[in-house]
C-alpha cells in the first residue's frame, strides 16, 4: 500500500527457501556415415522444470507448489538425416 506521496506503508512478503535452479539436459546418439549421407539416432533426457524457481515460494503459509503440476522428467528420441556435397 502506498501513501499519496508514494511512500510504502505496508507490504506482504513472499518467502523462498531451497530454490533449485540447476537441471540436467543430457543427449547422446550415434551417427552413421556413408559417402555424403549421415544418419543420426539419439536419445535425450532432461530434468528441466519450468516451475522450478517458483515451487518453493510461499505466501502467508501457503506453498505455491500445491498449485503447480507435478514435476516430470522429459524424454525424447532424435533421428536426423543429412546430406553433404
N, C-alpha and C. Protein backbone atom coordinates (compact mmCIF):
# COMPACT_ATOMS: atom_id res chain seq x y z
N UNK A 1 0.85 -1.16 0.00
CA UNK A 1 0.00 0.00 0.00
C UNK A 1 0.90 1.24 0.00
N UNK A 2 0.54 2.22 -0.80
CA UNK A 2 1.33 3.45 -0.91
C UNK A 2 0.55 4.63 -0.33
N UNK A 3 1.29 5.56 0.24
CA UNK A 3 0.69 6.81 0.70
C UNK A 3 0.49 7.72 -0.52
N UNK A 4 -0.23 8.82 -0.38
CA UNK A 4 -0.39 9.74 -1.50
C UNK A 4 0.95 10.27 -2.03
N UNK A 5 1.99 10.25 -1.20
CA UNK A 5 3.31 10.73 -1.62
C UNK A 5 4.17 9.62 -2.23
N UNK A 6 3.64 8.39 -2.29
CA UNK A 6 4.38 7.29 -2.89
C UNK A 6 5.26 6.52 -1.92
N UNK A 7 5.07 6.72 -0.62
CA UNK A 7 5.85 6.01 0.38
C UNK A 7 5.15 4.69 0.71
N UNK A 8 5.91 3.60 0.78
CA UNK A 8 5.34 2.30 1.08
C UNK A 8 4.94 2.27 2.55
N UNK A 9 3.66 2.03 2.81
CA UNK A 9 3.15 1.96 4.17
C UNK A 9 3.05 0.51 4.65
N UNK A 10 2.74 -0.39 3.75
CA UNK A 10 2.54 -1.78 4.12
C UNK A 10 2.85 -2.65 2.90
N UNK A 11 3.45 -3.80 3.14
CA UNK A 11 3.70 -4.74 2.04
C UNK A 11 3.64 -6.16 2.57
N UNK A 12 3.28 -7.09 1.71
CA UNK A 12 3.27 -8.51 2.04
C UNK A 12 4.56 -9.11 1.52
N UNK A 13 5.08 -10.05 2.27
CA UNK A 13 6.32 -10.70 1.85
C UNK A 13 6.06 -12.09 1.29
N UNK A 14 6.80 -12.44 0.27
CA UNK A 14 6.78 -13.78 -0.30
C UNK A 14 8.14 -14.37 -0.02
N UNK A 15 8.16 -15.53 0.66
CA UNK A 15 9.44 -16.11 1.03
C UNK A 15 9.80 -17.26 0.10
N UNK A 16 11.09 -17.49 -0.04
CA UNK A 16 11.60 -18.58 -0.87
C UNK A 16 12.74 -19.23 -0.12
N UNK A 17 12.71 -20.53 -0.04
CA UNK A 17 13.84 -21.25 0.52
C UNK A 17 14.09 -22.50 -0.30
N UNK A 18 15.31 -22.92 -0.32
CA UNK A 18 15.72 -24.12 -1.06
C UNK A 18 15.39 -24.03 -2.54
N UNK A 19 15.53 -22.86 -3.13
CA UNK A 19 15.28 -22.71 -4.55
C UNK A 19 16.27 -23.51 -5.38
N UNK A 20 15.77 -24.22 -6.36
CA UNK A 20 16.62 -25.05 -7.22
C UNK A 20 16.62 -24.44 -8.61
N UNK A 21 17.78 -24.19 -9.14
CA UNK A 21 17.87 -23.59 -10.46
C UNK A 21 18.75 -24.42 -11.38
N UNK A 22 19.24 -25.54 -10.93
CA UNK A 22 20.12 -26.38 -11.74
C UNK A 22 19.33 -27.57 -12.28
N UNK A 23 19.56 -27.92 -13.54
CA UNK A 23 18.88 -29.05 -14.16
C UNK A 23 19.84 -29.76 -15.10
N UNK A 24 19.60 -31.03 -15.32
CA UNK A 24 20.40 -31.80 -16.26
C UNK A 24 19.69 -31.87 -17.60
N UNK A 25 20.45 -31.76 -18.66
CA UNK A 25 19.94 -31.91 -20.01
C UNK A 25 20.99 -32.74 -20.76
N UNK A 26 20.73 -34.04 -20.91
CA UNK A 26 21.71 -34.96 -21.47
C UNK A 26 21.21 -35.48 -22.81
N UNK A 27 22.10 -35.48 -23.77
CA UNK A 27 21.78 -36.01 -25.09
C UNK A 27 22.93 -36.92 -25.55
N UNK A 28 22.57 -38.06 -26.07
CA UNK A 28 23.59 -38.95 -26.62
C UNK A 28 23.04 -39.56 -27.89
N UNK A 29 23.94 -39.96 -28.75
CA UNK A 29 23.48 -40.51 -30.01
C UNK A 29 24.60 -41.17 -30.80
N UNK A 30 24.21 -41.81 -31.87
CA UNK A 30 25.14 -42.46 -32.78
C UNK A 30 24.94 -41.87 -34.18
N UNK A 31 26.04 -41.67 -34.88
CA UNK A 31 25.96 -41.16 -36.24
C UNK A 31 26.63 -42.16 -37.16
N UNK A 32 25.90 -42.54 -38.18
CA UNK A 32 26.41 -43.46 -39.18
C UNK A 32 26.60 -42.68 -40.47
N UNK A 33 27.75 -42.84 -41.09
CA UNK A 33 28.02 -42.11 -42.32
C UNK A 33 28.44 -43.03 -43.44
N UNK A 34 27.97 -42.70 -44.64
CA UNK A 34 28.34 -43.45 -45.83
C UNK A 34 28.39 -42.47 -46.98
N UNK A 35 29.55 -42.31 -47.58
CA UNK A 35 29.76 -41.32 -48.64
C UNK A 35 29.35 -39.94 -48.13
N UNK A 36 28.31 -39.34 -48.71
CA UNK A 36 27.89 -38.00 -48.32
C UNK A 36 26.63 -37.98 -47.45
N UNK A 37 26.18 -39.15 -47.03
CA UNK A 37 24.94 -39.23 -46.24
C UNK A 37 25.28 -39.64 -44.81
N UNK A 38 24.70 -38.90 -43.84
CA UNK A 38 24.86 -39.21 -42.43
C UNK A 38 23.48 -39.43 -41.81
N UNK A 39 23.36 -40.47 -41.01
CA UNK A 39 22.13 -40.74 -40.28
C UNK A 39 22.46 -40.72 -38.79
N UNK A 40 21.68 -39.95 -38.04
CA UNK A 40 21.90 -39.81 -36.60
C UNK A 40 20.68 -40.33 -35.85
N UNK A 41 20.95 -41.15 -34.83
CA UNK A 41 19.90 -41.66 -33.96
C UNK A 41 20.33 -41.35 -32.53
N UNK A 42 19.44 -40.73 -31.75
CA UNK A 42 19.84 -40.35 -30.41
C UNK A 42 18.71 -40.37 -29.40
N UNK A 43 19.09 -40.09 -28.16
CA UNK A 43 18.17 -40.10 -27.03
C UNK A 43 18.44 -38.86 -26.19
N UNK A 44 17.39 -38.28 -25.62
CA UNK A 44 17.51 -37.06 -24.82
C UNK A 44 16.78 -37.25 -23.50
N UNK A 45 17.41 -36.79 -22.40
CA UNK A 45 16.82 -36.83 -21.07
C UNK A 45 17.04 -35.48 -20.41
N UNK A 46 16.00 -34.95 -19.77
CA UNK A 46 16.13 -33.63 -19.16
C UNK A 46 15.34 -33.56 -17.85
N UNK A 47 15.91 -32.84 -16.87
CA UNK A 47 15.21 -32.60 -15.60
C UNK A 47 14.76 -31.15 -15.49
N UNK A 48 14.73 -30.45 -16.62
CA UNK A 48 14.34 -29.05 -16.62
C UNK A 48 12.89 -28.92 -16.15
N UNK A 49 12.65 -28.03 -15.21
CA UNK A 49 11.32 -27.81 -14.64
C UNK A 49 11.00 -26.33 -14.77
N UNK A 50 10.01 -26.00 -15.59
CA UNK A 50 9.70 -24.59 -15.83
C UNK A 50 9.18 -23.89 -14.57
N UNK A 51 8.68 -24.66 -13.60
CA UNK A 51 8.19 -24.08 -12.35
C UNK A 51 9.22 -24.21 -11.22
N UNK A 52 10.41 -24.67 -11.53
CA UNK A 52 11.42 -24.97 -10.52
C UNK A 52 11.73 -23.82 -9.58
N UNK A 53 11.84 -22.61 -10.07
CA UNK A 53 12.17 -21.47 -9.23
C UNK A 53 10.99 -21.01 -8.37
N UNK A 54 9.78 -21.42 -8.73
CA UNK A 54 8.60 -20.94 -8.03
C UNK A 54 7.99 -21.97 -7.07
N UNK A 55 8.39 -23.22 -7.18
CA UNK A 55 7.79 -24.26 -6.35
C UNK A 55 7.98 -24.01 -4.86
N UNK A 56 9.10 -23.46 -4.45
CA UNK A 56 9.38 -23.28 -3.03
C UNK A 56 8.95 -21.92 -2.49
N UNK A 57 8.28 -21.12 -3.29
CA UNK A 57 7.75 -19.86 -2.79
C UNK A 57 6.55 -20.12 -1.89
N UNK A 58 6.36 -19.28 -0.91
CA UNK A 58 5.17 -19.37 -0.06
C UNK A 58 4.66 -17.97 0.25
N UNK A 59 3.36 -17.87 0.41
CA UNK A 59 2.72 -16.59 0.73
C UNK A 59 1.71 -16.84 1.84
N UNK A 60 1.92 -16.21 2.97
CA UNK A 60 1.06 -16.37 4.14
C UNK A 60 0.86 -17.85 4.50
N UNK A 61 1.96 -18.60 4.45
CA UNK A 61 1.93 -20.01 4.84
C UNK A 61 1.44 -20.97 3.77
N UNK A 62 1.04 -20.48 2.61
CA UNK A 62 0.58 -21.34 1.53
C UNK A 62 1.71 -21.52 0.52
N UNK A 63 2.11 -22.78 0.30
CA UNK A 63 3.18 -23.06 -0.65
C UNK A 63 2.64 -23.05 -2.07
N UNK A 64 3.39 -22.46 -2.97
CA UNK A 64 2.98 -22.39 -4.37
C UNK A 64 3.00 -23.76 -5.03
N UNK A 65 3.84 -24.67 -4.52
CA UNK A 65 3.97 -25.99 -5.13
C UNK A 65 2.63 -26.73 -5.19
N UNK A 66 1.74 -26.44 -4.27
CA UNK A 66 0.44 -27.11 -4.25
C UNK A 66 -0.41 -26.79 -5.48
N UNK A 67 -0.12 -25.68 -6.16
CA UNK A 67 -0.92 -25.26 -7.30
C UNK A 67 -0.29 -25.59 -8.65
N UNK A 68 0.96 -26.03 -8.65
CA UNK A 68 1.65 -26.35 -9.90
C UNK A 68 1.52 -27.83 -10.22
N UNK A 69 1.62 -28.19 -11.51
CA UNK A 69 1.59 -29.61 -11.87
C UNK A 69 2.79 -30.35 -11.27
N UNK A 70 2.66 -31.65 -11.11
CA UNK A 70 3.75 -32.45 -10.56
C UNK A 70 4.98 -32.35 -11.47
N UNK A 71 6.14 -32.44 -10.87
CA UNK A 71 7.40 -32.38 -11.60
C UNK A 71 7.56 -33.66 -12.43
N UNK A 72 7.91 -33.51 -13.69
CA UNK A 72 8.09 -34.65 -14.58
C UNK A 72 9.44 -34.53 -15.29
N UNK A 73 10.03 -35.68 -15.56
CA UNK A 73 11.23 -35.71 -16.39
C UNK A 73 10.81 -35.73 -17.85
N UNK A 74 11.70 -35.25 -18.70
CA UNK A 74 11.41 -35.22 -20.12
C UNK A 74 12.32 -36.21 -20.83
N UNK A 75 11.72 -37.01 -21.73
CA UNK A 75 12.46 -37.98 -22.51
C UNK A 75 12.18 -37.71 -23.98
N UNK A 76 13.13 -38.07 -24.83
CA UNK A 76 12.89 -37.85 -26.24
C UNK A 76 13.82 -38.67 -27.11
N UNK A 77 13.44 -38.81 -28.36
CA UNK A 77 14.26 -39.51 -29.35
C UNK A 77 14.56 -38.54 -30.48
N UNK A 78 15.74 -38.73 -31.07
CA UNK A 78 16.18 -37.86 -32.16
C UNK A 78 16.58 -38.71 -33.35
N UNK A 79 16.09 -38.35 -34.51
CA UNK A 79 16.51 -39.00 -35.75
C UNK A 79 16.82 -37.89 -36.74
N UNK A 80 17.99 -37.97 -37.33
CA UNK A 80 18.38 -36.94 -38.30
C UNK A 80 19.06 -37.53 -39.51
N UNK A 81 18.83 -36.93 -40.65
CA UNK A 81 19.45 -37.35 -41.90
C UNK A 81 20.08 -36.11 -42.53
N UNK A 82 21.33 -36.21 -42.89
CA UNK A 82 21.99 -35.07 -43.55
C UNK A 82 22.72 -35.55 -44.80
N UNK A 83 22.81 -34.64 -45.74
CA UNK A 83 23.49 -34.93 -47.00
C UNK A 83 24.47 -33.81 -47.28
N UNK A 84 25.70 -34.15 -47.53
CA UNK A 84 26.72 -33.14 -47.83
C UNK A 84 27.23 -33.29 -49.25
N UNK A 85 27.58 -32.18 -49.83
CA UNK A 85 28.05 -32.20 -51.23
C UNK A 85 29.51 -32.51 -51.30
